[in-house]
Protein backbone atom coordinates (compact mmCIF):
# COMPACT_ATOMS: atom_id res chain seq x y z
CA UNK A 1 119.39 -34.33 154.16
CA UNK A 2 117.38 -37.22 154.54
CA UNK A 3 114.33 -36.99 155.95
CA UNK A 4 112.97 -39.77 158.98
CA UNK A 5 110.61 -40.78 156.47
CA UNK A 6 113.15 -41.42 153.93
CA UNK A 7 115.73 -42.87 156.68
CA UNK A 8 112.40 -45.50 157.04
CA UNK A 9 111.75 -46.25 153.19
CA UNK A 10 115.31 -47.08 152.63
CA UNK A 11 115.80 -49.24 156.07
CA UNK A 12 112.56 -50.76 154.97
CA UNK A 13 112.98 -51.86 151.38
CA UNK A 14 116.71 -51.24 151.22
CA UNK A 15 116.92 -48.58 148.78
CA UNK A 16 115.29 -44.58 147.84
CA UNK A 17 115.20 -42.74 145.01
CA UNK A 18 116.13 -38.71 145.27
CA UNK A 19 115.00 -36.68 142.18
CA UNK A 20 116.69 -33.79 140.85
CA UNK A 21 120.10 -34.48 143.06
CA UNK A 22 122.30 -32.96 140.06
CA UNK A 23 121.92 -30.50 138.18
CA UNK A 24 121.15 -30.21 134.41
CA UNK A 25 124.61 -28.29 133.84
CA UNK A 26 126.28 -30.88 135.90
CA UNK A 27 125.19 -33.82 134.08
CA UNK A 28 126.26 -32.00 130.59
CA UNK A 29 129.62 -31.75 131.93
CA UNK A 30 129.58 -35.48 132.95
CA UNK A 31 128.65 -36.40 129.86
CA UNK A 32 130.49 -34.24 127.97
CA UNK A 33 133.89 -35.29 129.40
CA UNK A 34 132.53 -38.99 128.90
CA UNK A 35 132.31 -38.69 125.14
CA UNK A 36 135.52 -36.94 125.02
CA UNK A 37 136.78 -40.49 126.55
CA UNK A 38 135.55 -42.22 124.00
CA UNK A 39 136.87 -40.63 121.56
CA UNK A 40 140.41 -40.79 122.82
CA UNK A 41 139.92 -44.25 123.27
CA UNK A 42 141.97 -46.82 121.30
CA UNK A 43 139.32 -49.78 120.94
CA UNK A 44 142.58 -52.37 119.96
CA UNK A 45 142.72 -55.01 122.55
CA UNK A 46 140.00 -53.54 124.58
CA UNK A 47 137.73 -55.83 126.41
CA UNK A 48 134.25 -57.04 126.69
CA UNK A 49 132.00 -56.41 129.37
CA UNK A 50 129.34 -59.25 130.70
CA UNK A 51 127.70 -60.02 134.03
CA UNK A 52 126.68 -63.33 132.44
CA UNK A 53 129.45 -65.92 133.43
CA UNK A 54 131.74 -63.28 134.80
CA UNK A 55 134.23 -65.49 135.85
CA UNK A 56 134.35 -66.91 133.13
CA UNK A 57 134.56 -63.87 130.86
CA UNK A 58 136.76 -62.03 133.12
CA UNK A 59 140.10 -61.68 131.65
CA UNK A 60 143.54 -59.52 131.93
CA UNK A 61 141.94 -56.02 130.84
CA UNK A 62 139.16 -56.10 133.32
CA UNK A 63 141.72 -56.93 136.02
CA UNK A 64 143.91 -54.06 134.96
CA UNK A 65 140.84 -51.43 134.98
CA UNK A 66 140.80 -51.87 138.94
CA UNK A 67 142.81 -48.57 139.26
CA UNK A 68 142.73 -47.23 136.14
CA UNK A 69 140.18 -45.57 133.43
CA UNK A 70 139.27 -48.02 130.58
CA UNK A 71 136.39 -48.02 128.47
CA UNK A 72 134.64 -51.78 127.48
CA UNK A 73 132.46 -52.63 124.36
CA UNK A 74 128.75 -54.47 124.51
CA UNK A 75 128.58 -57.94 124.30
CA UNK A 76 126.80 -57.32 121.27
CA UNK A 77 128.50 -54.06 119.44
CA UNK A 78 130.22 -56.55 117.23
CA UNK A 79 129.26 -58.54 113.85
CA UNK A 80 130.16 -61.85 112.39
CA UNK A 81 132.90 -60.46 110.90
CA UNK A 82 134.94 -59.11 114.50
CA UNK A 83 134.56 -55.30 113.55
CA UNK A 84 131.83 -52.63 115.06
CA UNK A 85 128.31 -52.77 113.73
CA UNK A 86 128.11 -49.08 114.40
CA UNK A 87 129.92 -46.05 115.68
CA UNK A 88 132.03 -46.44 118.32
CA UNK A 89 130.48 -43.81 120.18
CA UNK A 90 127.08 -46.22 119.96
CA UNK A 91 129.34 -49.17 121.20
CA UNK A 92 130.97 -48.80 124.46
CA UNK A 93 129.07 -50.68 127.31
CA UNK A 94 130.46 -48.70 130.08
CA UNK A 95 133.69 -46.52 131.37
CA UNK A 96 135.64 -47.50 134.37
CA UNK A 97 136.64 -47.43 137.49
CA UNK A 98 138.84 -45.11 139.14
CA UNK A 99 137.86 -42.37 137.42
CA UNK A 100 136.27 -40.70 140.76
CA UNK A 101 140.43 -40.25 141.45
CA UNK A 102 142.08 -39.99 138.51
CA UNK A 103 140.47 -37.34 135.74
CA UNK A 104 138.86 -34.13 137.05
CA UNK A 105 135.81 -33.64 135.65
CA UNK A 106 134.44 -37.13 137.80
CA UNK A 107 136.17 -36.27 140.80
CA UNK A 108 134.45 -32.54 140.60
CA UNK A 109 131.26 -34.76 139.91
CA UNK A 110 131.79 -37.60 142.85
CA UNK A 111 133.46 -34.61 145.50
CA UNK A 112 129.97 -33.58 146.32
CA UNK A 113 129.44 -32.35 150.00
CA UNK A 114 126.09 -33.16 150.16
CA UNK A 115 126.92 -36.99 149.47
CA UNK A 116 128.87 -37.10 152.94
CA UNK A 117 125.76 -35.86 154.93
CA UNK A 118 123.31 -38.55 152.64
CA UNK A 119 126.32 -41.65 153.29
CA UNK A 120 126.29 -40.83 156.91
CA UNK A 121 122.28 -40.55 157.02
CA UNK A 122 122.38 -44.29 155.52
CA UNK A 123 125.36 -45.36 158.28
CA UNK A 124 128.15 -44.90 156.66
CA UNK A 125 130.48 -43.26 158.88
CA UNK A 126 133.26 -42.78 157.19
CA UNK A 127 132.24 -43.54 153.38
CA UNK A 128 135.76 -44.72 151.19
CA UNK A 129 134.75 -45.02 146.86
CA UNK A 130 136.05 -47.96 145.75
CA UNK A 131 135.01 -47.53 142.33
CA UNK A 132 133.15 -45.98 140.26
CA UNK A 133 131.28 -46.27 136.41
CA UNK A 134 129.65 -44.42 133.82
CA UNK A 135 127.21 -46.73 131.68
CA UNK A 136 126.23 -45.82 128.59
CA UNK A 137 122.90 -48.82 128.55
CA UNK A 138 123.49 -48.39 124.54
CA UNK A 139 120.00 -48.10 122.27
CA UNK A 140 119.24 -51.55 120.98
CA UNK A 141 122.23 -53.10 122.05
CA UNK A 142 123.12 -52.04 125.52
CA UNK A 143 123.49 -55.21 127.45
CA UNK A 144 121.50 -57.34 130.42
CA UNK A 145 122.40 -57.08 133.96
CA UNK A 146 121.66 -60.21 135.38
CA UNK A 147 120.51 -60.14 139.19
CA UNK A 148 122.76 -59.71 142.01
CA UNK A 149 123.90 -58.04 144.85
CA UNK A 150 126.89 -55.32 145.06
CA UNK A 151 128.45 -56.64 148.06
CA UNK A 152 129.13 -60.23 146.11
CA UNK A 153 131.71 -57.49 144.40
CA UNK A 154 132.85 -55.85 147.89
CA UNK A 155 132.90 -57.83 150.97
CA UNK A 156 133.29 -55.93 154.28
CA UNK A 157 132.67 -57.61 157.72
CA UNK A 158 129.75 -56.29 158.47
CA UNK A 159 127.94 -55.54 154.82
CA UNK A 160 128.82 -51.65 154.63
CA UNK A 161 129.23 -50.84 150.44
CA UNK A 162 126.45 -48.64 149.64
CA UNK A 163 125.78 -47.98 145.33
CA UNK A 164 125.16 -44.14 144.81
CA UNK A 165 123.19 -44.20 140.92
CA UNK A 166 123.16 -40.80 139.42
CA UNK A 167 120.59 -41.12 136.13
CA UNK A 168 122.06 -38.98 133.61
CA UNK A 169 119.11 -39.63 131.23
CA UNK A 170 115.86 -40.57 132.02
CA UNK A 171 115.85 -44.19 133.14
CA UNK A 172 112.49 -45.73 131.76
CA UNK A 173 111.44 -49.44 131.27
CA UNK A 174 111.77 -49.23 127.09
CA UNK A 175 115.20 -48.32 127.24
CA UNK A 176 116.54 -50.89 130.44
CA UNK A 177 115.93 -49.06 134.17
CA UNK A 178 116.95 -50.86 137.23
CA UNK A 179 115.02 -53.57 138.51
CA UNK A 180 115.03 -54.01 142.42
CA UNK A 181 113.34 -56.64 145.03
CA UNK A 182 111.54 -54.13 147.79
CA UNK A 183 113.03 -55.09 151.61
CA UNK A 184 115.65 -58.38 149.52
CA UNK A 185 118.20 -56.26 151.43
CA UNK A 186 117.33 -58.75 154.85
CA UNK A 187 118.35 -62.04 152.88
CA UNK A 188 121.47 -63.60 152.89
CA UNK A 189 124.41 -62.91 150.41
CA UNK A 190 123.99 -65.21 147.65
CA UNK A 191 127.41 -65.33 145.94
CA UNK A 192 131.45 -63.62 146.52
CA UNK A 193 133.33 -62.53 143.78
CA UNK A 194 137.17 -63.50 145.17
CA UNK A 195 140.43 -62.66 143.63
CA UNK A 196 143.46 -63.97 144.19
CA UNK A 197 146.75 -62.62 141.34
CA UNK A 198 145.43 -62.72 138.76
CA UNK A 199 142.66 -65.61 139.18
CA UNK A 200 138.97 -65.35 139.99
CA UNK A 201 135.94 -67.03 141.22
CA UNK A 202 132.72 -66.77 142.29
CA UNK A 203 131.47 -68.36 145.33
CA UNK A 204 128.47 -69.32 146.24
CA UNK A 205 127.11 -69.08 149.69
CA UNK A 206 123.11 -69.40 149.50
CA UNK A 207 120.96 -71.40 147.60
CA UNK A 208 118.02 -68.66 147.77
CA UNK A 209 116.87 -68.03 144.47
CA UNK A 210 117.18 -64.46 142.59
CA UNK A 211 113.49 -62.72 142.81
CA UNK A 212 111.31 -62.88 140.02
CA UNK A 213 108.29 -60.62 138.34
CA UNK A 214 106.54 -60.77 141.01
CA UNK A 215 108.14 -59.65 143.39
CA UNK A 216 110.35 -56.76 141.38
CA UNK A 217 109.57 -53.64 141.05
CA UNK A 218 110.77 -51.00 138.66
CA UNK A 219 112.71 -48.43 139.45
CA UNK A 220 112.03 -45.70 136.70
CA UNK A 221 113.30 -42.30 137.29
CA UNK A 222 114.34 -38.52 135.69
CA UNK A 223 117.49 -38.05 134.80
CA UNK A 224 118.98 -36.22 137.58
CA UNK A 225 117.71 -38.24 139.93
CA UNK A 226 120.15 -40.03 142.67
CA UNK A 227 118.99 -43.81 143.60
CA UNK A 228 120.78 -45.46 146.46
CA UNK A 229 120.70 -48.81 147.53
CA UNK A 230 121.80 -51.32 149.88
CA UNK A 231 124.67 -54.07 148.96
CA UNK A 232 122.42 -56.69 149.58
CA UNK A 233 119.82 -55.55 148.17
CA UNK A 234 118.92 -57.96 144.36
CA UNK A 235 118.79 -55.79 141.29
CA UNK A 236 119.06 -55.74 137.98
CA UNK A 237 118.39 -54.54 134.45
CA UNK A 238 116.89 -55.54 130.72
CA UNK A 239 118.71 -55.36 127.75
CA UNK A 240 117.72 -52.31 126.25
CA UNK A 241 115.84 -52.83 122.90
CA UNK A 242 114.89 -48.50 122.23
CA UNK A 243 115.48 -46.22 120.23
CA UNK A 244 117.34 -44.28 123.23
CA UNK A 245 120.17 -45.08 125.91
CA UNK A 246 120.23 -44.65 129.18
CA UNK A 247 123.70 -43.51 130.37
CA UNK A 248 124.21 -43.22 134.67
CA UNK A 249 126.95 -42.46 136.70
CA UNK A 250 127.17 -45.06 139.76
CA UNK A 251 129.80 -45.15 143.00
CA UNK A 252 130.26 -48.20 145.11
CA UNK A 253 130.79 -47.16 148.68
CA UNK A 254 132.11 -48.77 151.76
CA UNK A 255 131.92 -47.54 155.00
CA UNK A 256 135.65 -47.18 156.98
CA UNK A 257 135.07 -48.42 159.73
CA UNK A 258 134.29 -51.51 158.49
CA UNK A 259 136.77 -54.23 157.50
CA UNK A 260 137.29 -54.16 153.13
CA UNK A 261 137.71 -58.21 152.30
CA UNK A 262 141.41 -58.36 151.33
CA UNK A 263 139.83 -60.86 148.31
CA UNK A 264 137.47 -58.39 146.50
CA UNK A 265 138.98 -57.42 142.99
CA UNK A 266 139.68 -53.74 143.89
CA UNK A 267 142.83 -53.10 146.46
CA UNK A 268 144.08 -49.78 147.05
CA UNK A 269 148.09 -49.47 149.22
CA UNK A 270 149.74 -46.38 150.02
CA UNK A 271 150.34 -45.44 147.01
CA UNK A 272 147.03 -44.94 145.89
CA UNK A 273 144.93 -45.08 149.19
CA UNK A 274 141.08 -45.11 148.99
CA UNK A 275 139.59 -41.50 149.26
CA UNK A 276 136.07 -40.54 150.60
CA UNK A 277 133.69 -37.72 148.23
CA UNK A 278 135.65 -35.42 149.66
């Protein structure tokens, strides 16, 4: 499905943007289902999602979301009195982390035969989908996602995790689009997020600094675009202070031919095996 030029672009820069990959109808269906999940969500006891000092902010609510479907609030969703500052539908950071297997609508969106071909073109001989997230990037309070590499959370030997990120709305500088460092995937893995039972820790692997604006580029794209990027590619997104949300759906995929670390935070067994796109 990918041209030779697109494959070369991915190998050189560590990412590729494929416009018009999903139809407007596909997007409407997925957004409607996400809205329904949030509407039915009971916020009592729910967690807040943050990538800042993640080792300190990880809790039981997060860890138990590995193989189910849970909603997480934005850090800035609550006022000084502890109550939501705005409607629940405008306060959710994301839904995660197994909708691709457990929810029929998300499963249908994920089970796209074209993704099998794209994955193979990117070097994944046996694609395995470990995690799904629906990200809202809410207007005004959409939180920052700090510089990171997705291989930190999905360590394999050799590194194989690849991210499939679907823009469900236009992603712009104004509403907090992703930024990435072209070619940065050729650098080292800087840290690993390790889980042993209910204990997590972030292991530092490299002193190499994170990129800055002098080397990073914005990945602006239109709704319907698919952005694929290498697990070692450094990327981040700034807070969303605009009046517009930036909905996206993302999948983290490894190659079944590689060794998946038993210390990764998401694990599967025979009762709930990891599956591919189909």
